[in-house]
Amino acid sequence: MSKYLSQELVCKAFERLSSRNTTGKSHLERTSALMYFLAVDAAFKYFGTSGLDLNPESLEGKNSRKHVELEFTRLVLVGNSHDGVKQVIELGRIDVAGTSPEKRISSNFLTVPLKKASGQAAPYYYPSRPKAPLFKMGFAATGRQWGIGYHDNWMSNFLAMLTTIKGSTPSLDLAVFVCRDCVLGDGSVDLFSALEEQLKKRFSTDLSDFLVQRIEKEKVLARCVETPFADHYEPFASFYRQGPAPVKQYEQMKKSELIDRIHQLESMLGTTN
């Protein structure tokens, strides 16, 4: 019989992935970098390589780009509404946006930093903020003009991306979120074995082993793992309820951003009434 991660488990894990900071865009930027990294690594796994050529003019590059876009969509897309798609732009929060995940990664990642890397002589490292790059790009770094690969210090930098998350089990909670839609195998006797199996199916050996090791260290702090499974699938976005955003967050916004946020909230209320 098929089983899945319970929606209660996923909701609580996702909430713990929120940022401790209530202002600024650092959590959004870190979320983007993490999701890009996971999407590219899943493409590494799919193509059986530790680097990709993302040249937009070559067949190989076009195929690789398309697969990265698909993996990114799988990571951040959580539902649909009449005003757009429900997606994760920032961990711990679900937004309704008219821009599809494929267009988001294409315009924000595959176009801007990757294109810049392709035109410069020096190695290009991403992201530049915080100073904890996960990728190296460009000819000087990868031997390919449109090449992308792991940064030498990606493991420590990956952990640096999680330092502002409010929960005490960020690797475990991130794995739960990533595996939220997975059909779990019969060998999944507990949450940890289930996550290990799914992570190894989806990601490279380097990344899956790294995450499994981190989760092992976080076990002692893990919560809500006694009954992690459900016998039927329930999309967690249908159950996840966010608390009100701090007032200071809105005080920092421009008028146009406030209008967009109001429209998003109105559309979300429209889908739940």
Protein backbone atom coordinates (compact mmCIF):
# COMPACT_ATOMS: atom_id res chain seq x y z
CA MET A 1 0.00 0.00 0.00
CA SER A 2 1.30 3.46 -0.91
CA LYS A 3 2.00 5.96 1.83
CA TYR A 4 2.97 9.61 2.00
CA LEU A 5 4.30 12.16 4.44
CA SER A 6 1.41 13.48 6.50
CA GLN A 7 0.23 17.01 5.75
CA GLU A 8 0.58 17.91 9.46
CA LEU A 9 4.25 16.91 9.41
CA VAL A 10 4.91 18.87 6.21
CA CYS A 11 3.08 21.97 7.45
CA LYS A 12 5.01 22.09 10.72
CA ALA A 13 8.34 21.48 8.97
CA PHE A 14 7.60 24.22 6.46
CA GLU A 15 6.65 26.69 9.19
CA ARG A 16 9.96 26.04 10.97
CA LEU A 17 11.77 26.96 7.74
CA SER A 18 10.62 30.56 8.16
CA SER A 19 13.20 33.22 8.89
CA ARG A 20 13.91 34.61 12.34
CA ASN A 21 14.29 38.02 10.70
CA THR A 22 11.13 40.00 9.99
CA THR A 23 12.54 42.59 7.60
CA GLY A 24 14.66 42.67 4.49
CA LYS A 25 14.98 40.31 1.55
CA SER A 26 17.80 38.07 2.76
CA HIS A 27 15.51 35.09 3.42
CA LEU A 28 13.98 35.40 -0.03
CA GLU A 29 17.44 35.54 -1.61
CA ARG A 30 18.64 32.54 0.38
CA THR A 31 15.51 30.58 -0.51
CA SER A 32 16.09 31.27 -4.20
CA ALA A 33 19.72 30.19 -4.00
CA LEU A 34 18.81 26.97 -2.17
CA MET A 35 16.05 26.09 -4.62
CA TYR A 36 18.31 26.78 -7.61
CA PHE A 37 21.00 24.59 -6.06
CA LEU A 38 18.61 21.72 -5.40
CA ALA A 39 17.17 21.99 -8.93
CA VAL A 40 20.58 21.97 -10.59
CA ASP A 41 21.76 19.09 -8.41
CA ALA A 42 18.66 17.07 -9.33
CA ALA A 43 19.62 17.69 -12.95
CA PHE A 44 23.15 16.46 -12.17
CA LYS A 45 21.55 13.28 -10.85
CA TYR A 46 19.32 12.90 -13.90
CA PHE A 47 22.15 13.37 -16.41
CA GLY A 48 24.71 11.44 -14.31
CA THR A 49 27.23 14.27 -14.12
CA SER A 50 28.72 16.78 -11.66
CA GLY A 51 28.45 19.72 -14.05
CA LEU A 52 26.19 21.02 -16.81
CA ASP A 53 26.58 23.00 -20.00
CA LEU A 54 23.66 25.45 -20.07
CA ASN A 55 24.46 27.03 -23.43
CA PRO A 56 21.11 28.41 -24.70
CA GLU A 57 22.18 27.89 -28.34
CA SER A 58 23.10 24.19 -28.16
CA LEU A 59 20.78 21.19 -28.03
CA GLU A 60 22.55 19.88 -24.92
CA GLY A 61 22.25 23.24 -23.23
CA LYS A 62 18.57 23.61 -24.10
CA ASN A 63 17.80 20.12 -22.76
CA SER A 64 19.73 20.80 -19.55
CA ARG A 65 18.01 24.14 -19.05
CA LYS A 66 14.59 22.58 -19.53
CA HIS A 67 15.30 19.90 -16.98
CA VAL A 68 16.57 22.43 -14.42
CA GLU A 69 13.36 24.43 -14.95
CA LEU A 70 11.26 21.30 -14.41
CA GLU A 71 13.12 20.40 -11.20
CA PHE A 72 12.75 23.95 -9.90
CA THR A 73 9.01 23.87 -10.63
CA ARG A 74 8.71 20.56 -8.80
CA LEU A 75 10.40 22.13 -5.78
CA VAL A 76 8.47 25.39 -5.46
CA LEU A 77 5.04 24.77 -7.01
CA VAL A 78 2.48 23.86 -4.34
CA GLY A 79 -0.90 24.53 -5.96
CA ASN A 80 -3.03 26.63 -8.29
CA SER A 81 -5.54 29.44 -7.95
CA HIS A 82 -7.61 31.54 -10.34
CA ASP A 83 -5.09 34.40 -10.00
CA GLY A 84 -1.96 32.38 -10.68
CA VAL A 85 0.00 29.56 -9.17
CA LYS A 86 0.64 28.94 -5.49
CA GLN A 87 4.37 28.71 -5.06
CA VAL A 88 7.16 29.12 -2.53
CA ILE A 89 9.16 32.25 -3.16
CA GLU A 90 10.36 32.36 0.43
CA LEU A 91 10.57 29.33 2.73
CA GLY A 92 7.83 29.38 5.33
CA ARG A 93 5.46 31.34 3.11
CA ILE A 94 3.17 30.50 0.19
CA ASP A 95 2.47 33.20 -2.38
CA VAL A 96 0.14 33.42 -5.34
CA ALA A 97 2.03 34.72 -8.35
CA GLY A 98 1.19 35.15 -11.99
CA THR A 99 4.74 34.36 -13.04
CA SER A 100 5.31 30.64 -13.44
CA PRO A 101 8.25 28.94 -11.70
CA GLU A 102 9.79 28.14 -15.10
CA LYS A 103 9.85 31.83 -16.01
CA ARG A 104 11.14 32.77 -12.56
CA ILE A 105 14.23 30.61 -12.78
CA SER A 106 14.76 31.42 -16.45
CA SER A 107 14.72 35.18 -15.95
CA ASN A 108 16.30 35.37 -12.51
CA PHE A 109 18.96 32.65 -12.67
CA LEU A 110 19.52 31.17 -16.12
CA THR A 111 19.58 34.61 -17.72
CA VAL A 112 21.23 37.07 -15.32
CA PRO A 113 24.11 35.43 -13.37
CA LEU A 114 24.73 32.65 -15.87
CA LYS A 115 24.86 35.07 -18.80
CA LYS A 116 27.19 37.35 -16.87
CA ALA A 117 29.45 34.40 -16.08
CA SER A 118 29.58 33.40 -19.74
CA GLY A 119 31.00 36.77 -20.72
CA GLN A 120 33.76 37.27 -18.19
CA ALA A 121 37.29 35.90 -18.04
CA ALA A 122 37.41 35.34 -14.26
CA PRO A 123 35.52 32.56 -12.43
CA TYR A 124 32.01 33.55 -11.40
CA TYR A 125 30.57 32.40 -8.08
CA TYR A 126 26.91 32.36 -7.12
CA PRO A 127 25.31 33.63 -4.98
CA SER A 128 27.34 36.67 -4.05
CA ARG A 129 25.05 37.51 -1.14
CA PRO A 130 25.57 36.18 1.42
CA LYS A 131 29.21 35.45 0.74
CA ALA A 132 28.57 31.73 0.69
CA PRO A 133 28.55 30.67 -2.98
CA LEU A 134 27.08 27.31 -3.96
CA PHE A 135 27.98 27.35 -7.66
CA LYS A 136 30.93 28.17 -9.85
CA MET A 137 30.17 29.30 -13.39
CA GLY A 138 31.85 30.29 -16.62
CA PHE A 139 34.82 29.07 -18.61
CA ALA A 140 37.51 29.93 -16.07
CA ALA A 141 35.69 27.93 -13.38
CA THR A 142 34.30 24.98 -15.37
CA GLY A 143 36.07 24.86 -18.73
CA ARG A 144 32.80 25.72 -20.49
CA GLN A 145 31.52 29.18 -21.35
CA TRP A 146 28.04 28.33 -20.07
CA GLY A 147 29.22 25.74 -17.57
CA ILE A 148 27.98 25.34 -14.01
CA GLY A 149 29.28 23.14 -11.20
CA TYR A 150 29.63 22.87 -7.44
CA HIS A 151 31.60 25.55 -5.65
CA ASP A 152 34.55 24.00 -3.80
CA ASN A 153 33.07 25.03 -0.43
CA TRP A 154 29.44 24.27 -1.22
CA MET A 155 28.87 22.09 1.85
CA SER A 156 29.79 24.73 4.42
CA ASN A 157 28.10 27.42 2.33
CA PHE A 158 24.90 25.35 2.12
CA LEU A 159 24.79 25.32 5.92
CA ALA A 160 25.43 29.07 5.98
CA MET A 161 22.26 29.52 3.92
CA LEU A 162 20.26 27.93 6.75
CA THR A 163 21.58 30.02 9.64
CA THR A 164 18.66 32.47 9.70
CA ILE A 165 15.97 29.76 9.69
CA LYS A 166 14.08 29.81 12.98
CA GLY A 167 13.83 26.05 13.47
CA SER A 168 16.53 23.91 15.09
CA THR A 169 16.33 21.11 12.48
CA PRO A 170 16.74 22.94 9.15
CA SER A 171 18.14 20.05 7.10
CA LEU A 172 15.41 17.67 8.30
CA ASP A 173 12.66 20.21 7.69
CA LEU A 174 14.02 21.08 4.26
CA ALA A 175 14.09 17.38 3.35
CA VAL A 176 10.48 16.98 4.51
CA PHE A 177 9.41 19.93 2.36
CA VAL A 178 11.31 18.65 -0.67
CA CYS A 179 9.82 15.15 -0.31
CA ARG A 180 6.28 16.36 0.45
CA ASP A 181 4.75 14.80 -2.67
CA CYS A 182 6.74 11.57 -2.80
CA VAL A 183 5.17 8.13 -2.85
CA LEU A 184 7.08 6.28 -0.15
CA GLY A 185 8.37 2.74 -0.56
CA ASP A 186 7.70 -0.29 1.61
CA GLY A 187 11.19 0.03 3.09
CA SER A 188 10.26 3.33 4.73
CA VAL A 189 9.87 2.08 8.30
CA ASP A 190 10.29 5.53 9.84
CA LEU A 191 10.62 9.15 8.74
CA PHE A 192 14.40 9.07 8.53
CA SER A 193 14.63 5.95 6.37
CA ALA A 194 11.88 7.37 4.13
CA LEU A 195 13.72 10.64 3.63
CA GLU A 196 17.02 8.90 2.98
CA GLU A 197 15.46 6.72 0.29
CA GLN A 198 13.79 9.65 -1.47
CA LEU A 199 16.80 11.97 -1.26
CA LYS A 200 19.05 9.33 -2.82
CA LYS A 201 16.55 8.78 -5.63
CA ARG A 202 16.32 12.44 -6.49
CA PHE A 203 19.69 14.04 -5.80
CA SER A 204 23.36 13.36 -6.43
CA THR A 205 25.30 11.08 -4.13
CA ASP A 206 27.29 14.05 -2.82
CA LEU A 207 24.23 16.06 -1.86
CA SER A 208 22.04 13.20 -0.62
CA ASP A 209 24.82 11.79 1.57
CA PHE A 210 25.49 15.27 2.93
CA LEU A 211 21.82 15.85 3.80
CA VAL A 212 21.43 12.41 5.36
CA GLN A 213 24.46 13.06 7.58
CA ARG A 214 23.05 16.41 8.65
CA ILE A 215 19.65 14.88 9.40
CA GLU A 216 21.33 12.20 11.51
CA LYS A 217 22.86 14.96 13.66
CA GLU A 218 19.50 16.71 14.00
CA LYS A 219 17.58 13.60 15.08
CA VAL A 220 17.89 14.37 18.76
CA LEU A 221 16.04 17.67 18.22
CA ALA A 222 13.40 16.31 15.84
CA ARG A 223 9.74 16.91 16.68
CA CYS A 224 6.43 15.55 15.38
CA VAL A 225 8.01 12.43 13.87
CA GLU A 226 6.12 9.74 15.81
CA THR A 227 3.35 9.41 13.19
CA PRO A 228 4.87 10.85 10.02
CA PHE A 229 2.89 8.91 7.40
CA ALA A 230 -0.54 9.05 5.81
CA ASP A 231 -2.18 6.38 3.66
CA HIS A 232 -3.48 8.95 1.16
CA TYR A 233 -2.01 12.06 -0.42
CA GLU A 234 -3.06 15.52 0.74
CA PRO A 235 -1.38 18.64 -0.71
CA PHE A 236 0.01 20.52 2.25
CA ALA A 237 -0.79 23.96 0.75
CA SER A 238 -4.48 23.23 1.31
CA PHE A 239 -3.87 22.99 5.06
CA TYR A 240 -1.00 25.36 5.69
CA ARG A 241 -2.05 28.50 7.51
CA GLN A 242 0.39 31.32 7.93
CA GLY A 243 0.35 33.72 10.80
CA PRO A 244 -0.02 37.44 10.07
CA ALA A 245 3.10 39.11 8.72
CA PRO A 246 4.79 41.53 11.13
CA VAL A 247 3.81 45.17 10.63
CA LYS A 248 7.44 46.16 10.17
CA GLN A 249 7.63 44.00 7.06
CA TYR A 250 4.95 46.14 5.42
CA GLU A 251 6.49 49.38 6.62
CA GLN A 252 9.57 48.51 4.55
CA MET A 253 7.58 47.97 1.34
CA LYS A 254 7.10 50.40 -1.53
CA LYS A 255 3.56 51.39 -2.53
CA SER A 256 3.63 49.11 -5.57
CA GLU A 257 4.80 46.18 -3.43
CA LEU A 258 2.00 46.80 -0.91
CA ILE A 259 -0.58 46.82 -3.71
CA ASP A 260 0.78 43.52 -5.07
CA ARG A 261 0.70 42.00 -1.58
CA ILE A 262 -2.90 43.13 -1.02
CA HIS A 263 -3.92 41.54 -4.31
CA GLN A 264 -2.15 38.31 -3.31
CA LEU A 265 -3.91 38.22 0.07
CA GLU A 266 -7.28 38.96 -1.51
CA SER A 267 -6.80 36.15 -4.03
CA MET A 268 -5.79 33.74 -1.26
CA LEU A 269 -8.92 34.64 0.72
CA GLY A 270 -10.98 34.12 -2.40
CA THR A 271 -9.72 30.55 -2.78
CA THR A 272 -10.51 29.59 0.83
CA ASN A 273 -13.99 31.07 1.19
